[in-house]
């Protein structure tokens, strides 16, 4: 399928910014939006979302069908999570098998995923000062690859195994990498799906 008439971007969504272009709610007046970071063309939309306190790779496109296809296709997404505490092998095994999380007033068992302990990433921008790092116990980092994307899923998963997420950064969607983008940086890309 050719997307030559559509425009695509990847960006490093900063902490504290909503994954939407503008407010459609007067209660969100004090919130920050993607349109404050870049002069996007008309018709652009985010592909999936990152919650306000999460950061990292966000794709944007003018192709609504492509956005829908990516969101529904079970494409792998990789996240680096800095956790409160030194995660155990047992907790990692539980993450990989699937854990019970709350979702829309009920419970949900997450699909199997790939989780592994990693060294602290050296290529990420300095964390936002509002993230409470180092105030509790020592922290550890994990890489988690999922093929679904429920509301605040990674945060709920790590909390379910006893290691709340302090900082969450999406680093990959399928074969599209965050690379060395800086906070708030936006670059045009070619997408072929």
C-alpha atoms as a PDB file:
ATOM      1  CA  UNK A   1       0.000   0.000   0.000  1.00  0.00           C
ATOM      2  CA  UNK A   2       1.454   3.354  -0.945  1.00  0.00           C
ATOM      3  CA  UNK A   3       1.377   6.188   1.548  1.00  0.00           C
ATOM      4  CA  UNK A   4       3.064   8.730  -0.706  1.00  0.00           C
ATOM      5  CA  UNK A   5       0.302  11.328  -0.270  1.00  0.00           C
ATOM      6  CA  UNK A   6       0.344  10.987   3.512  1.00  0.00           C
ATOM      7  CA  UNK A   7       2.739  12.572   6.004  1.00  0.00           C
ATOM      8  CA  UNK A   8       4.297  10.683   8.914  1.00  0.00           C
ATOM      9  CA  UNK A   9       6.434  11.783  11.849  1.00  0.00           C
ATOM     10  CA  UNK A  10       8.128  10.256  14.823  1.00  0.00           C
ATOM     11  CA  UNK A  11       8.698  12.291  17.930  1.00  0.00           C
ATOM     12  CA  UNK A  12      10.001  12.067  21.468  1.00  0.00           C
ATOM     13  CA  UNK A  13       6.889  12.872  23.477  1.00  0.00           C
ATOM     14  CA  UNK A  14       8.008  14.615  26.645  1.00  0.00           C
ATOM     15  CA  UNK A  15       6.827  13.836  30.164  1.00  0.00           C
ATOM     16  CA  UNK A  16       3.857  16.053  31.079  1.00  0.00           C
ATOM     17  CA  UNK A  17       2.432  16.376  27.551  1.00  0.00           C
ATOM     18  CA  UNK A  18      -0.839  14.734  26.485  1.00  0.00           C
ATOM     19  CA  UNK A  19      -0.828  12.505  23.369  1.00  0.00           C
ATOM     20  CA  UNK A  20      -3.320  14.740  21.597  1.00  0.00           C
ATOM     21  CA  UNK A  21      -2.962  17.843  19.474  1.00  0.00           C
ATOM     22  CA  UNK A  22      -5.296  20.170  21.364  1.00  0.00           C
ATOM     23  CA  UNK A  23      -7.908  20.253  24.083  1.00  0.00           C
ATOM     24  CA  UNK A  24     -11.503  19.322  23.470  1.00  0.00           C
ATOM     25  CA  UNK A  25     -12.335  19.899  27.127  1.00  0.00           C
ATOM     26  CA  UNK A  26     -12.257  23.130  29.111  1.00  0.00           C
ATOM     27  CA  UNK A  27     -10.996  21.175  32.153  1.00  0.00           C
ATOM     28  CA  UNK A  28      -7.733  20.539  30.281  1.00  0.00           C
ATOM     29  CA  UNK A  29      -6.857  24.215  29.752  1.00  0.00           C
ATOM     30  CA  UNK A  30      -3.733  23.974  31.910  1.00  0.00           C
ATOM     31  CA  UNK A  31      -2.489  20.808  30.185  1.00  0.00           C
ATOM     32  CA  UNK A  32       0.251  20.706  27.518  1.00  0.00           C
ATOM     33  CA  UNK A  33      -0.489  19.349  24.026  1.00  0.00           C
ATOM     34  CA  UNK A  34       1.531  18.096  21.039  1.00  0.00           C
ATOM     35  CA  UNK A  35       0.621  21.154  18.942  1.00  0.00           C
ATOM     36  CA  UNK A  36       2.674  23.304  21.356  1.00  0.00           C
ATOM     37  CA  UNK A  37       5.830  21.411  20.343  1.00  0.00           C
ATOM     38  CA  UNK A  38       5.650  21.475  16.536  1.00  0.00           C
ATOM     39  CA  UNK A  39       3.656  23.046  13.718  1.00  0.00           C
ATOM     40  CA  UNK A  40       1.996  19.842  12.488  1.00  0.00           C
ATOM     41  CA  UNK A  41       0.032  19.834   9.208  1.00  0.00           C
ATOM     42  CA  UNK A  42      -3.750  19.710   9.168  1.00  0.00           C
ATOM     43  CA  UNK A  43      -5.171  16.208   9.559  1.00  0.00           C
ATOM     44  CA  UNK A  44      -2.295  14.787  11.621  1.00  0.00           C
ATOM     45  CA  UNK A  45      -3.151  12.325  14.399  1.00  0.00           C
ATOM     46  CA  UNK A  46      -1.146  10.346  16.952  1.00  0.00           C
ATOM     47  CA  UNK A  47      -0.866   6.596  16.383  1.00  0.00           C
ATOM     48  CA  UNK A  48      -1.704   5.155  19.777  1.00  0.00           C
ATOM     49  CA  UNK A  49      -1.020   7.076  22.947  1.00  0.00           C
ATOM     50  CA  UNK A  50       1.398   7.524  25.777  1.00  0.00           C
ATOM     51  CA  UNK A  51      -0.081   8.720  29.045  1.00  0.00           C
ATOM     52  CA  UNK A  52       0.805  12.182  30.321  1.00  0.00           C
ATOM     53  CA  UNK A  53       3.544  10.892  32.652  1.00  0.00           C
ATOM     54  CA  UNK A  54       5.125   8.590  30.062  1.00  0.00           C
ATOM     55  CA  UNK A  55       7.605   9.671  27.418  1.00  0.00           C
ATOM     56  CA  UNK A  56       9.337   8.467  24.302  1.00  0.00           C
ATOM     57  CA  UNK A  57       8.438   7.320  20.804  1.00  0.00           C
ATOM     58  CA  UNK A  58       5.149   8.562  19.403  1.00  0.00           C
ATOM     59  CA  UNK A  59       4.180   8.197  15.740  1.00  0.00           C
ATOM     60  CA  UNK A  60       1.912  10.710  14.009  1.00  0.00           C
ATOM     61  CA  UNK A  61       0.279  10.380  10.604  1.00  0.00           C
ATOM     62  CA  UNK A  62      -2.319  11.918   8.305  1.00  0.00           C
ATOM     63  CA  UNK A  63      -3.406   8.374   7.322  1.00  0.00           C
ATOM     64  CA  UNK A  64      -6.296   7.342   9.587  1.00  0.00           C
ATOM     65  CA  UNK A  65      -6.434   3.810   8.154  1.00  0.00           C
ATOM     66  CA  UNK A  66      -2.730   3.294   8.838  1.00  0.00           C
ATOM     67  CA  UNK A  67      -3.185   4.573  12.395  1.00  0.00           C
ATOM     68  CA  UNK A  68      -6.052   2.131  12.934  1.00  0.00           C
ATOM     69  CA  UNK A  69      -4.105  -0.770  11.357  1.00  0.00           C
ATOM     70  CA  UNK A  70      -1.082  -0.205  13.608  1.00  0.00           C
ATOM     71  CA  UNK A  71      -3.224   0.127  16.731  1.00  0.00           C
ATOM     72  CA  UNK A  72      -5.170  -3.092  16.055  1.00  0.00           C
ATOM     73  CA  UNK A  73      -2.540  -5.341  14.495  1.00  0.00           C
ATOM     74  CA  UNK A  74      -0.652  -6.594  17.534  1.00  0.00           C
ATOM     75  CA  UNK A  75       2.565  -4.851  16.508  1.00  0.00           C
ATOM     76  CA  UNK A  76       5.273  -5.145  19.158  1.00  0.00           C
ATOM     77  CA  UNK A  77       6.028  -2.078  21.270  1.00  0.00           C
ATOM     78  CA  UNK A  78       9.083  -1.912  23.529  1.00  0.00           C
ATOM     79  CA  UNK A  79       9.314   0.146  26.693  1.00  0.00           C
ATOM     80  CA  UNK A  80      12.118   0.860  29.138  1.00  0.00           C
ATOM     81  CA  UNK A  81      10.782   1.177  32.663  1.00  0.00           C
ATOM     82  CA  UNK A  82      12.706   2.443  35.671  1.00  0.00           C
ATOM     83  CA  UNK A  83      11.251   0.661  38.674  1.00  0.00           C
ATOM     84  CA  UNK A  84      11.079   1.426  42.370  1.00  0.00           C
ATOM     85  CA  UNK A  85      13.182  -1.400  43.823  1.00  0.00           C
ATOM     86  CA  UNK A  86      15.523  -4.074  42.437  1.00  0.00           C
ATOM     87  CA  UNK A  87      13.266  -6.321  40.374  1.00  0.00           C
ATOM     88  CA  UNK A  88      13.551 -10.067  40.987  1.00  0.00           C
ATOM     89  CA  UNK A  89      13.707 -12.935  38.506  1.00  0.00           C
ATOM     90  CA  UNK A  90      10.379 -14.126  39.943  1.00  0.00           C
ATOM     91  CA  UNK A  91       8.701 -10.770  39.180  1.00  0.00           C
ATOM     92  CA  UNK A  92      10.106 -10.780  35.621  1.00  0.00           C
ATOM     93  CA  UNK A  93       8.752 -14.320  35.077  1.00  0.00           C
ATOM     94  CA  UNK A  94       5.307 -13.175  36.284  1.00  0.00           C
ATOM     95  CA  UNK A  95       5.359 -10.198  33.879  1.00  0.00           C
ATOM     96  CA  UNK A  96       6.198 -12.524  30.979  1.00  0.00           C
ATOM     97  CA  UNK A  97       3.381 -14.977  31.778  1.00  0.00           C
ATOM     98  CA  UNK A  98       0.771 -12.233  32.167  1.00  0.00           C
ATOM     99  CA  UNK A  99      -0.521 -10.501  35.271  1.00  0.00           C
ATOM    100  CA  UNK A 100      -3.935  -9.388  36.464  1.00  0.00           C
ATOM    101  CA  UNK A 101      -4.506  -5.638  36.191  1.00  0.00           C
ATOM    102  CA  UNK A 102      -7.527  -3.416  36.696  1.00  0.00           C
ATOM    103  CA  UNK A 103      -9.188  -2.191  33.517  1.00  0.00           C
ATOM    104  CA  UNK A 104     -12.399  -0.176  33.206  1.00  0.00           C
ATOM    105  CA  UNK A 105     -13.771  -1.335  36.553  1.00  0.00           C
ATOM    106  CA  UNK A 106     -12.983  -5.006  35.982  1.00  0.00           C
ATOM    107  CA  UNK A 107      -9.864  -7.184  35.870  1.00  0.00           C
ATOM    108  CA  UNK A 108      -7.812  -8.211  32.869  1.00  0.00           C
ATOM    109  CA  UNK A 109      -4.981 -10.726  32.434  1.00  0.00           C
ATOM    110  CA  UNK A 110      -2.248  -9.270  30.224  1.00  0.00           C
ATOM    111  CA  UNK A 111      -0.990 -11.282  27.252  1.00  0.00           C
ATOM    112  CA  UNK A 112       2.396 -12.955  27.429  1.00  0.00           C
ATOM    113  CA  UNK A 113       5.246 -10.554  26.768  1.00  0.00           C
ATOM    114  CA  UNK A 114       9.027 -10.364  26.753  1.00  0.00           C
ATOM    115  CA  UNK A 115      10.555  -8.797  29.866  1.00  0.00           C
ATOM    116  CA  UNK A 116      14.206  -8.572  30.846  1.00  0.00           C
ATOM    117  CA  UNK A 117      16.382  -6.678  33.280  1.00  0.00           C
ATOM    118  CA  UNK A 118      18.618  -4.096  31.554  1.00  0.00           C
ATOM    119  CA  UNK A 119      21.379  -1.706  32.567  1.00  0.00           C
ATOM    120  CA  UNK A 120      20.364   1.919  32.983  1.00  0.00           C
ATOM    121  CA  UNK A 121      20.055   3.288  29.411  1.00  0.00           C
ATOM    122  CA  UNK A 122      22.686   5.899  28.630  1.00  0.00           C
ATOM    123  CA  UNK A 123      21.056   7.316  25.474  1.00  0.00           C
ATOM    124  CA  UNK A 124      17.893   8.732  27.103  1.00  0.00           C
ATOM    125  CA  UNK A 125      17.443  12.426  27.834  1.00  0.00           C
ATOM    126  CA  UNK A 126      17.683  13.582  31.443  1.00  0.00           C
ATOM    127  CA  UNK A 127      14.442  12.718  33.270  1.00  0.00           C
ATOM    128  CA  UNK A 128      11.907  15.421  34.030  1.00  0.00           C
ATOM    129  CA  UNK A 129      12.494  16.927  37.465  1.00  0.00           C
ATOM    130  CA  UNK A 130       8.912  16.067  38.501  1.00  0.00           C
ATOM    131  CA  UNK A 131       9.656  12.328  38.348  1.00  0.00           C
ATOM    132  CA  UNK A 132      10.452  11.170  41.866  1.00  0.00           C
ATOM    133  CA  UNK A 133      13.675   9.252  41.386  1.00  0.00           C
ATOM    134  CA  UNK A 134      15.903   8.063  44.196  1.00  0.00           C
ATOM    135  CA  UNK A 135      13.523   9.051  46.963  1.00  0.00           C
ATOM    136  CA  UNK A 136      12.690   5.524  48.013  1.00  0.00           C
ATOM    137  CA  UNK A 137      14.582   2.293  47.577  1.00  0.00           C
ATOM    138  CA  UNK A 138      17.204   1.687  44.873  1.00  0.00           C
ATOM    139  CA  UNK A 139      15.785   1.465  41.351  1.00  0.00           C
ATOM    140  CA  UNK A 140      16.232  -0.999  38.496  1.00  0.00           C
ATOM    141  CA  UNK A 141      15.476  -0.950  34.760  1.00  0.00           C
ATOM    142  CA  UNK A 142      13.573  -3.446  32.616  1.00  0.00           C
ATOM    143  CA  UNK A 143      12.732  -3.733  28.940  1.00  0.00           C
ATOM    144  CA  UNK A 144       9.151  -4.881  28.322  1.00  0.00           C
ATOM    145  CA  UNK A 145       7.850  -5.764  24.827  1.00  0.00           C
ATOM    146  CA  UNK A 146       4.080  -6.030  24.481  1.00  0.00           C
ATOM    147  CA  UNK A 147       1.714  -6.561  21.544  1.00  0.00           C
ATOM    148  CA  UNK A 148      -1.275  -4.859  23.139  1.00  0.00           C
ATOM    149  CA  UNK A 149      -1.746  -1.447  24.675  1.00  0.00           C
ATOM    150  CA  UNK A 150      -4.313  -1.177  27.429  1.00  0.00           C
ATOM    151  CA  UNK A 151      -4.680   2.038  29.442  1.00  0.00           C
ATOM    152  CA  UNK A 152      -1.502   2.543  31.559  1.00  0.00           C
ATOM    153  CA  UNK A 153      -0.705  -1.139  30.992  1.00  0.00           C
ATOM    154  CA  UNK A 154       3.041  -1.212  31.722  1.00  0.00           C
ATOM    155  CA  UNK A 155       2.614   0.823  34.916  1.00  0.00           C
ATOM    156  CA  UNK A 156      -0.173  -1.486  36.084  1.00  0.00           C
ATOM    157  CA  UNK A 157       1.864  -4.588  35.210  1.00  0.00           C
ATOM    158  CA  UNK A 158       4.970  -3.570  37.165  1.00  0.00           C
ATOM    159  CA  UNK A 159       2.859  -2.455  40.146  1.00  0.00           C
ATOM    160  CA  UNK A 160       1.088  -5.845  40.085  1.00  0.00           C
ATOM    161  CA  UNK A 161       4.420  -7.601  40.675  1.00  0.00           C
ATOM    162  CA  UNK A 162       5.475  -5.191  43.439  1.00  0.00           C
ATOM    163  CA  UNK A 163       7.742  -2.787  41.532  1.00  0.00           C
ATOM    164  CA  UNK A 164       5.978   0.489  40.678  1.00  0.00           C
ATOM    165  CA  UNK A 165       7.188   2.311  37.565  1.00  0.00           C
ATOM    166  CA  UNK A 166       8.989   5.585  38.263  1.00  0.00           C
ATOM    167  CA  UNK A 167       9.889   6.472  34.664  1.00  0.00           C
ATOM    168  CA  UNK A 168       8.466   4.947  31.480  1.00  0.00           C
ATOM    169  CA  UNK A 169       9.942   5.472  27.999  1.00  0.00           C
ATOM    170  CA  UNK A 170       8.655   3.848  24.782  1.00  0.00           C
ATOM    171  CA  UNK A 171      11.724   3.089  22.648  1.00  0.00           C
ATOM    172  CA  UNK A 172      10.317   1.062  19.741  1.00  0.00           C
ATOM    173  CA  UNK A 173       7.145   0.448  17.719  1.00  0.00           C
ATOM    174  CA  UNK A 174       7.716  -2.547  15.406  1.00  0.00           C
ATOM    175  CA  UNK A 175      10.972  -1.665  13.588  1.00  0.00           C
ATOM    176  CA  UNK A 176      10.736   2.101  14.223  1.00  0.00           C
ATOM    177  CA  UNK A 177      13.214   3.105  16.910  1.00  0.00           C
ATOM    178  CA  UNK A 178      13.366   6.129  19.210  1.00  0.00           C
ATOM    179  CA  UNK A 179      17.076   6.321  18.351  1.00  0.00           C
ATOM    180  CA  UNK A 180      18.690   9.445  19.754  1.00  0.00           C
ATOM    181  CA  UNK A 181      15.757  11.830  19.506  1.00  0.00           C
ATOM    182  CA  UNK A 182      15.840  14.548  22.137  1.00  0.00           C
ATOM    183  CA  UNK A 183      12.868  15.516  24.286  1.00  0.00           C
ATOM    184  CA  UNK A 184      10.215  17.154  22.096  1.00  0.00           C
ATOM    185  CA  UNK A 185      12.108  16.517  18.830  1.00  0.00           C
ATOM    186  CA  UNK A 186       9.965  15.727  15.768  1.00  0.00           C
ATOM    187  CA  UNK A 187      11.281  14.308  12.477  1.00  0.00           C
ATOM    188  CA  UNK A 188       9.488  13.266   9.257  1.00  0.00           C
ATOM    189  CA  UNK A 189       9.726   9.552   8.410  1.00  0.00           C
ATOM    190  CA  UNK A 190       8.610   7.139   5.697  1.00  0.00           C
ATOM    191  CA  UNK A 191       6.136   4.484   6.835  1.00  0.00           C
ATOM    192  CA  UNK A 192       5.345   1.388   4.785  1.00  0.00           C
ATOM    193  CA  UNK A 193       2.679  -0.943   6.161  1.00  0.00           C
END
